[in-house]
Amino acid sequence: MKLVLAFVFACLPLLAGAQEKLPKDVAKFVEHAQTCEHFAGEWDDNDKARQREIIAAVDDACGQAQRQWKRLSAKYAGQPKLQKIINEQANDAVRSYRKPG
């Protein structure tokens, strides 16, 4: 888990630099969407504790990104450049996320 968090935090400055010109809400969405995609691609059958951590991270990041995606799509509907970024970042993990239970 520490290695994954170190990787995510190491990438944040790169994301922040690329997102400086984006509105804060769109930049936050991009961050959540990328984190969602990262954790949705992980699976660890051998370590049940790690798997619970992955599921919690997916629920958090994907849930937030999906809610943001719907809200931002409506908010920036008249701004093609932002709409393109939002649509590109709404990856399969964000679009298909369903809260378990």
PDB file of N, CA and C in Angstrom:
ATOM      1  N   MET A   1       0.829  -1.188   0.000  1.00  0.00           N
ATOM      2  CA  MET A   1       0.000   0.000   0.000  1.00  0.00           C
ATOM      3  C   MET A   1       0.879   1.259   0.000  1.00  0.00           C
ATOM      4  N   LYS A   2       1.950   1.238   0.780  1.00  0.00           N
ATOM      5  CA  LYS A   2       2.824   2.404   0.850  1.00  0.00           C
ATOM      6  C   LYS A   2       3.434   2.709  -0.517  1.00  0.00           C
ATOM      7  N   LEU A   3       3.775   1.664  -1.244  1.00  0.00           N
ATOM      8  CA  LEU A   3       4.362   1.857  -2.571  1.00  0.00           C
ATOM      9  C   LEU A   3       3.363   2.498  -3.517  1.00  0.00           C
ATOM     10  N   VAL A   4       2.120   2.038  -3.470  1.00  0.00           N
ATOM     11  CA  VAL A   4       1.069   2.602  -4.335  1.00  0.00           C
ATOM     12  C   VAL A   4       0.834   4.061  -3.983  1.00  0.00           C
ATOM     13  N   LEU A   5       0.724   4.358  -2.697  1.00  0.00           N
ATOM     14  CA  LEU A   5       0.511   5.747  -2.283  1.00  0.00           C
ATOM     15  C   LEU A   5       1.693   6.626  -2.677  1.00  0.00           C
ATOM     16  N   ALA A   6       2.894   6.096  -2.542  1.00  0.00           N
ATOM     17  CA  ALA A   6       4.075   6.867  -2.941  1.00  0.00           C
ATOM     18  C   ALA A   6       4.030   7.183  -4.426  1.00  0.00           C
ATOM     19  N   PHE A   7       3.616   6.201  -5.227  1.00  0.00           N
ATOM     20  CA  PHE A   7       3.492   6.407  -6.672  1.00  0.00           C
ATOM     21  C   PHE A   7       2.450   7.472  -6.990  1.00  0.00           C
ATOM     22  N   VAL A   8       1.286   7.356  -6.354  1.00  0.00           N
ATOM     23  CA  VAL A   8       0.199   8.319  -6.605  1.00  0.00           C
ATOM     24  C   VAL A   8       0.642   9.719  -6.225  1.00  0.00           C
ATOM     25  N   PHE A   9       1.245   9.853  -5.044  1.00  0.00           N
ATOM     26  CA  PHE A   9       1.671  11.178  -4.609  1.00  0.00           C
ATOM     27  C   PHE A   9       2.833  11.712  -5.439  1.00  0.00           C
ATOM     28  N   ALA A  10       3.661  10.837  -5.957  1.00  0.00           N
ATOM     29  CA  ALA A  10       4.760  11.281  -6.824  1.00  0.00           C
ATOM     30  C   ALA A  10       4.231  11.839  -8.134  1.00  0.00           C
ATOM     31  N   CYS A  11       3.096  11.325  -8.587  1.00  0.00           N
ATOM     32  CA  CYS A  11       2.518  11.773  -9.851  1.00  0.00           C
ATOM     33  C   CYS A  11       1.685  13.052  -9.706  1.00  0.00           C
ATOM     34  N   LEU A  12       1.268  13.377  -8.505  1.00  0.00           N
ATOM     35  CA  LEU A  12       0.401  14.538  -8.316  1.00  0.00           C
ATOM     36  C   LEU A  12       1.021  15.844  -8.797  1.00  0.00           C
ATOM     37  N   PRO A  13       2.307  16.107  -8.541  1.00  0.00           N
ATOM     38  CA  PRO A  13       2.865  17.360  -9.077  1.00  0.00           C
ATOM     39  C   PRO A  13       2.803  17.428 -10.601  1.00  0.00           C
ATOM     40  N   LEU A  14       2.987  16.304 -11.261  1.00  0.00           N
ATOM     41  CA  LEU A  14       2.884  16.285 -12.718  1.00  0.00           C
ATOM     42  C   LEU A  14       1.465  16.613 -13.159  1.00  0.00           C
ATOM     43  N   LEU A  15       0.498  16.044 -12.467  1.00  0.00           N
ATOM     44  CA  LEU A  15      -0.901  16.319 -12.779  1.00  0.00           C
ATOM     45  C   LEU A  15      -1.229  17.780 -12.497  1.00  0.00           C
ATOM     46  N   ALA A  16      -0.742  18.283 -11.389  1.00  0.00           N
ATOM     47  CA  ALA A  16      -1.038  19.661 -11.012  1.00  0.00           C
ATOM     48  C   ALA A  16      -0.498  20.630 -12.056  1.00  0.00           C
ATOM     49  N   GLY A  17       0.697  20.375 -12.547  1.00  0.00           N
ATOM     50  CA  GLY A  17       1.273  21.247 -13.573  1.00  0.00           C
ATOM     51  C   GLY A  17       0.463  21.232 -14.847  1.00  0.00           C
ATOM     52  N   ALA A  18      -0.025  20.079 -15.215  1.00  0.00           N
ATOM     53  CA  ALA A  18      -0.814  19.952 -16.437  1.00  0.00           C
ATOM     54  C   ALA A  18      -2.206  20.542 -16.277  1.00  0.00           C
ATOM     55  N   GLN A  19      -2.668  20.637 -15.032  1.00  0.00           N
ATOM     56  CA  GLN A  19      -4.029  21.075 -14.786  1.00  0.00           C
ATOM     57  C   GLN A  19      -4.126  22.521 -14.308  1.00  0.00           C
ATOM     58  N   GLU A  20      -3.035  23.261 -14.275  1.00  0.00           N
ATOM     59  CA  GLU A  20      -3.048  24.613 -13.743  1.00  0.00           C
ATOM     60  C   GLU A  20      -4.088  25.502 -14.412  1.00  0.00           C
ATOM     61  N   LYS A  21      -4.319  25.303 -15.679  1.00  0.00           N
ATOM     62  CA  LYS A  21      -5.239  26.161 -16.405  1.00  0.00           C
ATOM     63  C   LYS A  21      -6.685  25.680 -16.315  1.00  0.00           C
ATOM     64  N   LEU A  22      -6.898  24.529 -15.716  1.00  0.00           N
ATOM     65  CA  LEU A  22      -8.251  23.995 -15.570  1.00  0.00           C
ATOM     66  C   LEU A  22      -8.921  24.595 -14.350  1.00  0.00           C
ATOM     67  N   PRO A  23     -10.242  24.747 -14.398  1.00  0.00           N
ATOM     68  CA  PRO A  23     -10.952  25.144 -13.179  1.00  0.00           C
ATOM     69  C   PRO A  23     -10.687  24.103 -12.089  1.00  0.00           C
ATOM     70  N   LYS A  24     -10.695  24.536 -10.840  1.00  0.00           N
ATOM     71  CA  LYS A  24     -10.368  23.639  -9.736  1.00  0.00           C
ATOM     72  C   LYS A  24     -11.257  22.402  -9.706  1.00  0.00           C
ATOM     73  N   ASP A  25     -12.553  22.567  -9.988  1.00  0.00           N
ATOM     74  CA  ASP A  25     -13.449  21.410  -9.924  1.00  0.00           C
ATOM     75  C   ASP A  25     -13.131  20.392 -11.017  1.00  0.00           C
ATOM     76  N   VAL A  26     -12.709  20.849 -12.182  1.00  0.00           N
ATOM     77  CA  VAL A  26     -12.336  19.939 -13.263  1.00  0.00           C
ATOM     78  C   VAL A  26     -11.006  19.257 -12.930  1.00  0.00           C
ATOM     79  N   ALA A  27     -10.055  20.004 -12.389  1.00  0.00           N
ATOM     80  CA  ALA A  27      -8.770  19.418 -12.008  1.00  0.00           C
ATOM     81  C   ALA A  27      -8.962  18.338 -10.943  1.00  0.00           C
ATOM     82  N   LYS A  28      -9.839  18.581  -9.990  1.00  0.00           N
ATOM     83  CA  LYS A  28     -10.114  17.597  -8.943  1.00  0.00           C
ATOM     84  C   LYS A  28     -10.772  16.356  -9.547  1.00  0.00           C
ATOM     85  N   PHE A  29     -11.665  16.546 -10.507  1.00  0.00           N
ATOM     86  CA  PHE A  29     -12.293  15.424 -11.194  1.00  0.00           C
ATOM     87  C   PHE A  29     -11.246  14.577 -11.912  1.00  0.00           C
ATOM     88  N   VAL A  30     -10.318  15.227 -12.612  1.00  0.00           N
ATOM     89  CA  VAL A  30      -9.271  14.507 -13.337  1.00  0.00           C
ATOM     90  C   VAL A  30      -8.456  13.660 -12.355  1.00  0.00           C
ATOM     91  N   GLU A  31      -8.133  14.237 -11.215  1.00  0.00           N
ATOM     92  CA  GLU A  31      -7.375  13.509 -10.192  1.00  0.00           C
ATOM     93  C   GLU A  31      -8.151  12.279  -9.716  1.00  0.00           C
ATOM     94  N   HIS A  32      -9.433  12.467  -9.386  1.00  0.00           N
ATOM     95  CA  HIS A  32     -10.247  11.335  -8.924  1.00  0.00           C
ATOM     96  C   HIS A  32     -10.414  10.275 -10.010  1.00  0.00           C
ATOM     97  N   ALA A  33     -10.626  10.705 -11.251  1.00  0.00           N
ATOM     98  CA  ALA A  33     -10.819   9.757 -12.351  1.00  0.00           C
ATOM     99  C   ALA A  33      -9.564   8.917 -12.589  1.00  0.00           C
ATOM    100  N   GLN A  34      -8.396   9.539 -12.521  1.00  0.00           N
ATOM    101  CA  GLN A  34      -7.155   8.798 -12.727  1.00  0.00           C
ATOM    102  C   GLN A  34      -6.882   7.841 -11.570  1.00  0.00           C
ATOM    103  N   THR A  35      -7.183   8.258 -10.367  1.00  0.00           N
ATOM    104  CA  THR A  35      -7.025   7.380  -9.208  1.00  0.00           C
ATOM    105  C   THR A  35      -8.002   6.215  -9.299  1.00  0.00           C
ATOM    106  N   CYS A  36      -9.211   6.505  -9.725  1.00  0.00           N
ATOM    107  CA  CYS A  36     -10.230   5.471  -9.915  1.00  0.00           C
ATOM    108  C   CYS A  36      -9.741   4.415 -10.891  1.00  0.00           C
ATOM    109  N   GLU A  37      -9.259   4.855 -12.021  1.00  0.00           N
ATOM    110  CA  GLU A  37      -8.785   3.921 -13.049  1.00  0.00           C
ATOM    111  C   GLU A  37      -7.617   3.085 -12.537  1.00  0.00           C
ATOM    112  N   HIS A  38      -6.727   3.715 -11.803  1.00  0.00           N
ATOM    113  CA  HIS A  38      -5.569   3.007 -11.263  1.00  0.00           C
ATOM    114  C   HIS A  38      -6.011   1.872 -10.342  1.00  0.00           C
ATOM    115  N   PHE A  39      -6.823   2.193  -9.348  1.00  0.00           N
ATOM    116  CA  PHE A  39      -7.218   1.178  -8.377  1.00  0.00           C
ATOM    117  C   PHE A  39      -8.198   0.158  -8.953  1.00  0.00           C
ATOM    118  N   ALA A  40      -9.007   0.551  -9.907  1.00  0.00           N
ATOM    119  CA  ALA A  40      -9.940  -0.397 -10.525  1.00  0.00           C
ATOM    120  C   ALA A  40      -9.180  -1.477 -11.291  1.00  0.00           C
ATOM    121  N   GLY A  41      -7.963  -1.190 -11.701  1.00  0.00           N
ATOM    122  CA  GLY A  41      -7.161  -2.159 -12.429  1.00  0.00           C
ATOM    123  C   GLY A  41      -6.353  -3.090 -11.541  1.00  0.00           C
ATOM    124  N   GLU A  42      -6.450  -2.916 -10.232  1.00  0.00           N
ATOM    125  CA  GLU A  42      -5.705  -3.765  -9.308  1.00  0.00           C
ATOM    126  C   GLU A  42      -6.596  -4.866  -8.751  1.00  0.00           C
ATOM    127  N   TRP A  43      -5.965  -5.969  -8.419  1.00  0.00           N
ATOM    128  CA  TRP A  43      -6.686  -7.066  -7.768  1.00  0.00           C
ATOM    129  C   TRP A  43      -5.646  -7.918  -7.075  1.00  0.00           C
ATOM    130  N   ASP A  44      -5.947  -8.358  -5.875  1.00  0.00           N
ATOM    131  CA  ASP A  44      -4.988  -9.173  -5.125  1.00  0.00           C
ATOM    132  C   ASP A  44      -5.736 -10.263  -4.372  1.00  0.00           C
ATOM    133  N   ASP A  45      -5.874 -11.429  -4.990  1.00  0.00           N
ATOM    134  CA  ASP A  45      -6.564 -12.559  -4.366  1.00  0.00           C
ATOM    135  C   ASP A  45      -5.775 -13.161  -3.208  1.00  0.00           C
ATOM    136  N   ASN A  46      -4.491 -12.927  -3.181  1.00  0.00           N
ATOM    137  CA  ASN A  46      -3.636 -13.547  -2.172  1.00  0.00           C
ATOM    138  C   ASN A  46      -3.612 -12.785  -0.851  1.00  0.00           C
ATOM    139  N   ASP A  47      -4.012 -11.556  -0.855  1.00  0.00           N
ATOM    140  CA  ASP A  47      -3.932 -10.725   0.344  1.00  0.00           C
ATOM    141  C   ASP A  47      -5.294 -10.061   0.571  1.00  0.00           C
ATOM    142  N   LYS A  48      -6.066 -10.631   1.464  1.00  0.00           N
ATOM    143  CA  LYS A  48      -7.442 -10.148   1.699  1.00  0.00           C
ATOM    144  C   LYS A  48      -7.452  -8.722   2.263  1.00  0.00           C
ATOM    145  N   ALA A  49      -6.488  -8.406   3.128  1.00  0.00           N
ATOM    146  CA  ALA A  49      -6.426  -7.047   3.677  1.00  0.00           C
ATOM    147  C   ALA A  49      -6.143  -6.040   2.573  1.00  0.00           C
ATOM    148  N   ARG A  50      -5.216  -6.374   1.687  1.00  0.00           N
ATOM    149  CA  ARG A  50      -4.896  -5.485   0.563  1.00  0.00           C
ATOM    150  C   ARG A  50      -6.105  -5.330  -0.348  1.00  0.00           C
ATOM    151  N   GLN A  51      -6.819  -6.423  -0.583  1.00  0.00           N
ATOM    152  CA  GLN A  51      -8.000  -6.359  -1.437  1.00  0.00           C
ATOM    153  C   GLN A  51      -9.058  -5.422  -0.831  1.00  0.00           C
ATOM    154  N   ARG A  52      -9.216  -5.451   0.489  1.00  0.00           N
ATOM    155  CA  ARG A  52     -10.165  -4.527   1.140  1.00  0.00           C
ATOM    156  C   ARG A  52      -9.728  -3.073   0.934  1.00  0.00           C
ATOM    157  N   GLU A  53      -8.412  -2.827   0.997  1.00  0.00           N
ATOM    158  CA  GLU A  53      -7.888  -1.477   0.752  1.00  0.00           C
ATOM    159  C   GLU A  53      -8.179  -1.032  -0.675  1.00  0.00           C
ATOM    160  N   ILE A  54      -7.998  -1.935  -1.621  1.00  0.00           N
ATOM    161  CA  ILE A  54      -8.251  -1.615  -3.032  1.00  0.00           C
ATOM    162  C   ILE A  54      -9.726  -1.301  -3.241  1.00  0.00           C
ATOM    163  N   ILE A  55     -10.597  -2.121  -2.666  1.00  0.00           N
ATOM    164  CA  ILE A  55     -12.044  -1.899  -2.802  1.00  0.00           C
ATOM    165  C   ILE A  55     -12.442  -0.559  -2.199  1.00  0.00           C
ATOM    166  N   ALA A  56     -11.875  -0.225  -1.039  1.00  0.00           N
ATOM    167  CA  ALA A  56     -12.182   1.063  -0.399  1.00  0.00           C
ATOM    168  C   ALA A  56     -11.696   2.225  -1.274  1.00  0.00           C
ATOM    169  N   ALA A  57     -10.504   2.087  -1.864  1.00  0.00           N
ATOM    170  CA  ALA A  57      -9.966   3.146  -2.723  1.00  0.00           C
ATOM    171  C   ALA A  57     -10.813   3.312  -3.980  1.00  0.00           C
ATOM    172  N   VAL A  58     -11.265   2.196  -4.560  1.00  0.00           N
ATOM    173  CA  VAL A  58     -12.133   2.249  -5.738  1.00  0.00           C
ATOM    174  C   VAL A  58     -13.449   2.928  -5.370  1.00  0.00           C
ATOM    175  N   ASP A  59     -14.049   2.518  -4.260  1.00  0.00           N
ATOM    176  CA  ASP A  59     -15.317   3.123  -3.847  1.00  0.00           C
ATOM    177  C   ASP A  59     -15.185   4.632  -3.656  1.00  0.00           C
ATOM    178  N   ASP A  60     -14.095   5.052  -3.037  1.00  0.00           N
ATOM    179  CA  ASP A  60     -13.894   6.473  -2.784  1.00  0.00           C
ATOM    180  C   ASP A  60     -13.651   7.245  -4.081  1.00  0.00           C
ATOM    181  N   ALA A  61     -12.616   6.867  -4.812  1.00  0.00           N
ATOM    182  CA  ALA A  61     -12.221   7.628  -6.011  1.00  0.00           C
ATOM    183  C   ALA A  61     -13.262   7.524  -7.120  1.00  0.00           C
ATOM    184  N   CYS A  62     -13.754   6.321  -7.388  1.00  0.00           N
ATOM    185  CA  CYS A  62     -14.717   6.145  -8.479  1.00  0.00           C
ATOM    186  C   CYS A  62     -16.060   6.778  -8.142  1.00  0.00           C
ATOM    187  N   GLY A  63     -16.474   6.647  -6.893  1.00  0.00           N
ATOM    188  CA  GLY A  63     -17.735   7.268  -6.483  1.00  0.00           C
ATOM    189  C   GLY A  63     -17.692   8.781  -6.632  1.00  0.00           C
ATOM    190  N   GLN A  64     -16.595   9.379  -6.155  1.00  0.00           N
ATOM    191  CA  GLN A  64     -16.446  10.833  -6.286  1.00  0.00           C
ATOM    192  C   GLN A  64     -16.366  11.253  -7.751  1.00  0.00           C
ATOM    193  N   ALA A  65     -15.562  10.536  -8.526  1.00  0.00           N
ATOM    194  CA  ALA A  65     -15.387  10.896  -9.938  1.00  0.00           C
ATOM    195  C   ALA A  65     -16.704  10.781 -10.699  1.00  0.00           C
ATOM    196  N   GLN A  66     -17.482   9.750 -10.415  1.00  0.00           N
ATOM    197  CA  GLN A  66     -18.744   9.582 -11.133  1.00  0.00           C
ATOM    198  C   GLN A  66     -19.722  10.720 -10.803  1.00  0.00           C
ATOM    199  N   ARG A  67     -19.805  11.076  -9.529  1.00  0.00           N
ATOM    200  CA  ARG A  67     -20.686  12.201  -9.153  1.00  0.00           C
ATOM    201  C   ARG A  67     -20.205  13.503  -9.797  1.00  0.00           C
ATOM    202  N   GLN A  68     -18.894  13.731  -9.787  1.00  0.00           N
ATOM    203  CA  GLN A  68     -18.328  14.938 -10.386  1.00  0.00           C
ATOM    204  C   GLN A  68     -18.555  14.952 -11.889  1.00  0.00           C
ATOM    205  N   TRP A  69     -18.385  13.816 -12.533  1.00  0.00           N
ATOM    206  CA  TRP A  69     -18.548  13.706 -13.990  1.00  0.00           C
ATOM    207  C   TRP A  69     -19.932  14.175 -14.401  1.00  0.00           C
ATOM    208  N   LYS A  70     -20.961  13.698 -13.741  1.00  0.00           N
ATOM    209  CA  LYS A  70     -22.333  14.077 -14.095  1.00  0.00           C
ATOM    210  C   LYS A  70     -22.561  15.576 -13.870  1.00  0.00           C
ATOM    211  N   ARG A  71     -22.083  16.083 -12.741  1.00  0.00           N
ATOM    212  CA  ARG A  71     -22.275  17.498 -12.416  1.00  0.00           C
ATOM    213  C   ARG A  71     -21.487  18.399 -13.362  1.00  0.00           C
ATOM    214  N   LEU A  72     -20.228  18.047 -13.621  1.00  0.00           N
ATOM    215  CA  LEU A  72     -19.387  18.876 -14.479  1.00  0.00           C
ATOM    216  C   LEU A  72     -19.817  18.815 -15.942  1.00  0.00           C
ATOM    217  N   SER A  73     -20.315  17.667 -16.378  1.00  0.00           N
ATOM    218  CA  SER A  73     -20.815  17.559 -17.759  1.00  0.00           C
ATOM    219  C   SER A  73     -21.931  18.557 -18.000  1.00  0.00           C
ATOM    220  N   ALA A  74     -22.799  18.715 -17.026  1.00  0.00           N
ATOM    221  CA  ALA A  74     -23.897  19.683 -17.145  1.00  0.00           C
ATOM    222  C   ALA A  74     -23.377  21.114 -16.996  1.00  0.00           C
ATOM    223  N   LYS A  75     -22.507  21.339 -16.027  1.00  0.00           N
ATOM    224  CA  LYS A  75     -21.993  22.680 -15.746  1.00  0.00           C
ATOM    225  C   LYS A  75     -21.217  23.263 -16.933  1.00  0.00           C
ATOM    226  N   TYR A  76     -20.409  22.440 -17.588  1.00  0.00           N
ATOM    227  CA  TYR A  76     -19.554  22.922 -18.674  1.00  0.00           C
ATOM    228  C   TYR A  76     -20.038  22.481 -20.052  1.00  0.00           C
ATOM    229  N   ALA A  77     -21.326  22.212 -20.176  1.00  0.00           N
ATOM    230  CA  ALA A  77     -21.898  21.741 -21.449  1.00  0.00           C
ATOM    231  C   ALA A  77     -21.644  22.724 -22.595  1.00  0.00           C
ATOM    232  N   GLY A  78     -21.600  24.006 -22.315  1.00  0.00           N
ATOM    233  CA  GLY A  78     -21.406  25.009 -23.349  1.00  0.00           C
ATOM    234  C   GLY A  78     -19.953  25.369 -23.601  1.00  0.00           C
ATOM    235  N   GLN A  79     -19.019  24.618 -23.010  1.00  0.00           N
ATOM    236  CA  GLN A  79     -17.598  24.913 -23.165  1.00  0.00           C
ATOM    237  C   GLN A  79     -16.891  23.679 -23.747  1.00  0.00           C
ATOM    238  N   PRO A  80     -16.786  23.628 -25.070  1.00  0.00           N
ATOM    239  CA  PRO A  80     -16.274  22.426 -25.743  1.00  0.00           C
ATOM    240  C   PRO A  80     -14.898  21.943 -25.267  1.00  0.00           C
ATOM    241  N   LYS A  81     -13.980  22.860 -24.975  1.00  0.00           N
ATOM    242  CA  LYS A  81     -12.644  22.437 -24.544  1.00  0.00           C
ATOM    243  C   LYS A  81     -12.700  21.699 -23.205  1.00  0.00           C
ATOM    244  N   LEU A  82     -13.451  22.261 -22.262  1.00  0.00           N
ATOM    245  CA  LEU A  82     -13.585  21.603 -20.962  1.00  0.00           C
ATOM    246  C   LEU A  82     -14.405  20.329 -21.081  1.00  0.00           C
ATOM    247  N   GLN A  83     -15.420  20.356 -21.902  1.00  0.00           N
ATOM    248  CA  GLN A  83     -16.254  19.175 -22.099  1.00  0.00           C
ATOM    249  C   GLN A  83     -15.416  18.029 -22.665  1.00  0.00           C
ATOM    250  N   LYS A  84     -14.501  18.336 -23.567  1.00  0.00           N
ATOM    251  CA  LYS A  84     -13.633  17.309 -24.140  1.00  0.00           C
ATOM    252  C   LYS A  84     -12.749  16.691 -23.061  1.00  0.00           C
ATOM    253  N   ILE A  85     -12.173  17.509 -22.206  1.00  0.00           N
ATOM    254  CA  ILE A  85     -11.329  17.008 -21.113  1.00  0.00           C
ATOM    255  C   ILE A  85     -12.148  16.131 -20.181  1.00  0.00           C
ATOM    256  N   ILE A  86     -13.317  16.594 -19.824  1.00  0.00           N
ATOM    257  CA  ILE A  86     -14.189  15.833 -18.923  1.00  0.00           C
ATOM    258  C   ILE A  86     -14.541  14.481 -19.538  1.00  0.00           C
ATOM    259  N   ASN A  87     -14.924  14.482 -20.796  1.00  0.00           N
ATOM    260  CA  ASN A  87     -15.296  13.227 -21.466  1.00  0.00           C
ATOM    261  C   ASN A  87     -14.112  12.282 -21.610  1.00  0.00           C
ATOM    262  N   GLU A  88     -12.942  12.824 -21.907  1.00  0.00           N
ATOM    263  CA  GLU A  88     -11.752  11.983 -22.049  1.00  0.00           C
ATOM    264  C   GLU A  88     -11.362  11.348 -20.714  1.00  0.00           C
ATOM    265  N   GLN A  89     -11.552  12.077 -19.632  1.00  0.00           N
ATOM    266  CA  GLN A  89     -11.163  11.564 -18.316  1.00  0.00           C
ATOM    267  C   GLN A  89     -12.216  10.639 -17.699  1.00  0.00           C
ATOM    268  N   ALA A  90     -13.420  10.682 -18.218  1.00  0.00           N
ATOM    269  CA  ALA A  90     -14.474   9.796 -17.714  1.00  0.00           C
ATOM    270  C   ALA A  90     -14.236   8.402 -18.298  1.00  0.00           C
ATOM    271  N   ASN A  91     -13.206   7.742 -17.793  1.00  0.00           N
ATOM    272  CA  ASN A  91     -12.784   6.437 -18.291  1.00  0.00           C
ATOM    273  C   ASN A  91     -13.827   5.364 -17.966  1.00  0.00           C
ATOM    274  N   ASP A  92     -13.593   4.158 -18.444  1.00  0.00           N
ATOM    275  CA  ASP A  92     -14.533   3.058 -18.220  1.00  0.00           C
ATOM    276  C   ASP A  92     -14.794   2.813 -16.742  1.00  0.00           C
ATOM    277  N   ALA A  93     -13.756   2.936 -15.916  1.00  0.00           N
ATOM    278  CA  ALA A  93     -13.918   2.701 -14.483  1.00  0.00           C
ATOM    279  C   ALA A  93     -14.885   3.718 -13.871  1.00  0.00           C
ATOM    280  N   VAL A  94     -14.806   4.955 -14.304  1.00  0.00           N
ATOM    281  CA  VAL A  94     -15.718   5.990 -13.804  1.00  0.00           C
ATOM    282  C   VAL A  94     -17.122   5.753 -14.340  1.00  0.00           C
ATOM    283  N   ARG A  95     -17.236   5.523 -15.611  1.00  0.00           N
ATOM    284  CA  ARG A  95     -18.564   5.365 -16.242  1.00  0.00           C
ATOM    285  C   ARG A  95     -19.315   4.142 -15.738  1.00  0.00           C
ATOM    286  N   SER A  96     -18.614   3.062 -15.463  1.00  0.00           N
ATOM    287  CA  SER A  96     -19.289   1.816 -15.097  1.00  0.00           C
ATOM    288  C   SER A  96     -19.353   1.554 -13.602  1.00  0.00           C
ATOM    289  N   TYR A  97     -18.808   2.448 -12.783  1.00  0.00           N
ATOM    290  CA  TYR A  97     -18.777   2.227 -11.339  1.00  0.00           C
ATOM    291  C   TYR A  97     -20.188   2.107 -10.765  1.00  0.00           C
ATOM    292  N   ARG A  98     -20.359   1.091  -9.927  1.00  0.00           N
ATOM    293  CA  ARG A  98     -21.606   0.892  -9.176  1.00  0.00           C
ATOM    294  C   ARG A  98     -21.219   0.600  -7.747  1.00  0.00           C
ATOM    295  N   LYS A  99     -21.775   1.356  -6.830  1.00  0.00           N
ATOM    296  CA  LYS A  99     -21.470   1.139  -5.405  1.00  0.00           C
ATOM    297  C   LYS A  99     -21.961  -0.244  -5.011  1.00  0.00           C
ATOM    298  N   PRO A 100     -21.064  -1.029  -4.375  1.00  0.00           N
ATOM    299  CA  PRO A 100     -21.466  -2.370  -3.962  1.00  0.00           C
ATOM    300  C   PRO A 100     -22.514  -2.315  -2.851  1.00  0.00           C
ATOM    301  N   GLY A 101     -23.299  -3.342  -2.828  1.00  0.00           N
ATOM    302  CA  GLY A 101     -24.254  -3.436  -1.719  1.00  0.00           C
ATOM    303  C   GLY A 101     -25.601  -3.451  -2.203  1.00  0.00           C
TER     304      GLY A 101
END
